[in-house]
Amino acid sequence: MRVKYFSDTDTAHIEFTESSVEETKEISENIYIDVDEQGNLVSMTIEHAKSNAMLSEFSLQEISAKSA
């Protein structure tokens, strides 16, 4: 997974896979997802990311099956 932030447009782009994009779907006014031929999530774009995605607090936490 890759997260890219474009400060000039305040846009975040999160890539989940390297699959080819078949279609882009609008989820809300500022959130779009890209899906492959099977409808699987490829990436997500978040406009106005600082206010819509709390980018200043970005972190990754892996939870093991024993902890859950």
Protein backbone atom coordinates (compact mmCIF):
# COMPACT_ATOMS: atom_id res chain seq x y z
CA MET A 1 0.00 0.00 0.00
CA ARG A 2 1.24 3.48 -0.88
CA VAL A 3 -0.09 6.80 0.39
CA LYS A 4 0.73 9.93 -1.58
CA TYR A 5 -0.16 13.45 -0.48
CA PHE A 6 -0.19 16.34 -2.95
CA SER A 7 0.05 19.53 -0.89
CA ASP A 8 -0.59 21.85 -3.85
CA THR A 9 -4.12 20.40 -4.24
CA ASP A 10 -4.61 19.02 -0.69
CA THR A 11 -5.31 15.60 -2.20
CA ALA A 12 -4.41 12.17 -0.82
CA HIS A 13 -4.12 9.12 -3.06
CA ILE A 14 -3.98 5.66 -1.49
CA GLU A 15 -2.93 2.76 -3.71
CA PHE A 16 -3.96 -0.68 -2.44
CA THR A 17 -2.90 -2.77 -5.44
CA GLU A 18 -1.16 -2.31 -8.77
CA SER A 19 -4.12 -3.70 -10.75
CA SER A 20 -5.41 -1.81 -13.79
CA VAL A 21 -8.26 0.58 -13.10
CA GLU A 22 -11.47 -0.30 -14.92
CA GLU A 23 -13.74 2.35 -13.38
CA THR A 24 -13.69 5.30 -10.99
CA LYS A 25 -16.68 5.64 -8.67
CA GLU A 26 -17.70 8.75 -6.72
CA ILE A 27 -18.37 7.78 -3.10
CA SER A 28 -19.07 11.31 -1.91
CA GLU A 29 -18.32 14.84 -3.06
CA ASN A 30 -14.63 14.51 -2.09
CA ILE A 31 -13.94 10.76 -2.16
CA TYR A 32 -13.43 8.57 -5.22
CA ILE A 33 -12.46 4.92 -5.54
CA ASP A 34 -10.91 3.08 -8.45
CA VAL A 35 -11.89 -0.54 -9.07
CA ASP A 36 -10.55 -3.26 -11.36
CA GLU A 37 -12.49 -5.46 -13.82
CA GLN A 38 -13.81 -7.64 -10.95
CA GLY A 39 -14.90 -4.65 -8.88
CA ASN A 40 -12.01 -4.98 -6.41
CA LEU A 41 -10.64 -1.81 -4.81
CA VAL A 42 -7.46 -0.55 -6.48
CA SER A 43 -7.09 2.96 -5.02
CA MET A 44 -8.86 5.83 -3.29
CA THR A 45 -8.58 9.59 -3.82
CA ILE A 46 -9.52 12.03 -1.05
CA GLU A 47 -9.88 15.69 -1.94
CA HIS A 48 -9.53 18.33 0.82
CA ALA A 49 -7.59 15.61 2.61
CA LYS A 50 -6.43 17.60 5.62
CA SER A 51 -10.00 18.21 6.76
CA ASN A 52 -11.51 14.93 5.48
CA ALA A 53 -8.85 12.40 6.46
CA MET A 54 -6.92 13.65 9.52
CA LEU A 55 -3.60 13.34 7.65
CA SER A 56 -1.66 14.94 10.49
CA GLU A 57 -2.42 11.80 12.56
CA PHE A 58 -1.66 9.15 9.94
CA SER A 59 -0.39 5.86 11.41
CA LEU A 60 -0.45 2.15 10.68
CA GLN A 61 -1.16 -0.38 13.40
CA GLU A 62 -1.12 -4.12 12.76
CA ILE A 63 -3.35 -6.12 15.11
CA SER A 64 -2.53 -9.80 15.49
CA ALA A 65 -5.25 -12.43 15.81
CA LYS A 66 -4.16 -13.07 19.42
CA SER A 67 -4.73 -9.39 20.35
CA ALA A 68 -8.16 -9.07 18.79
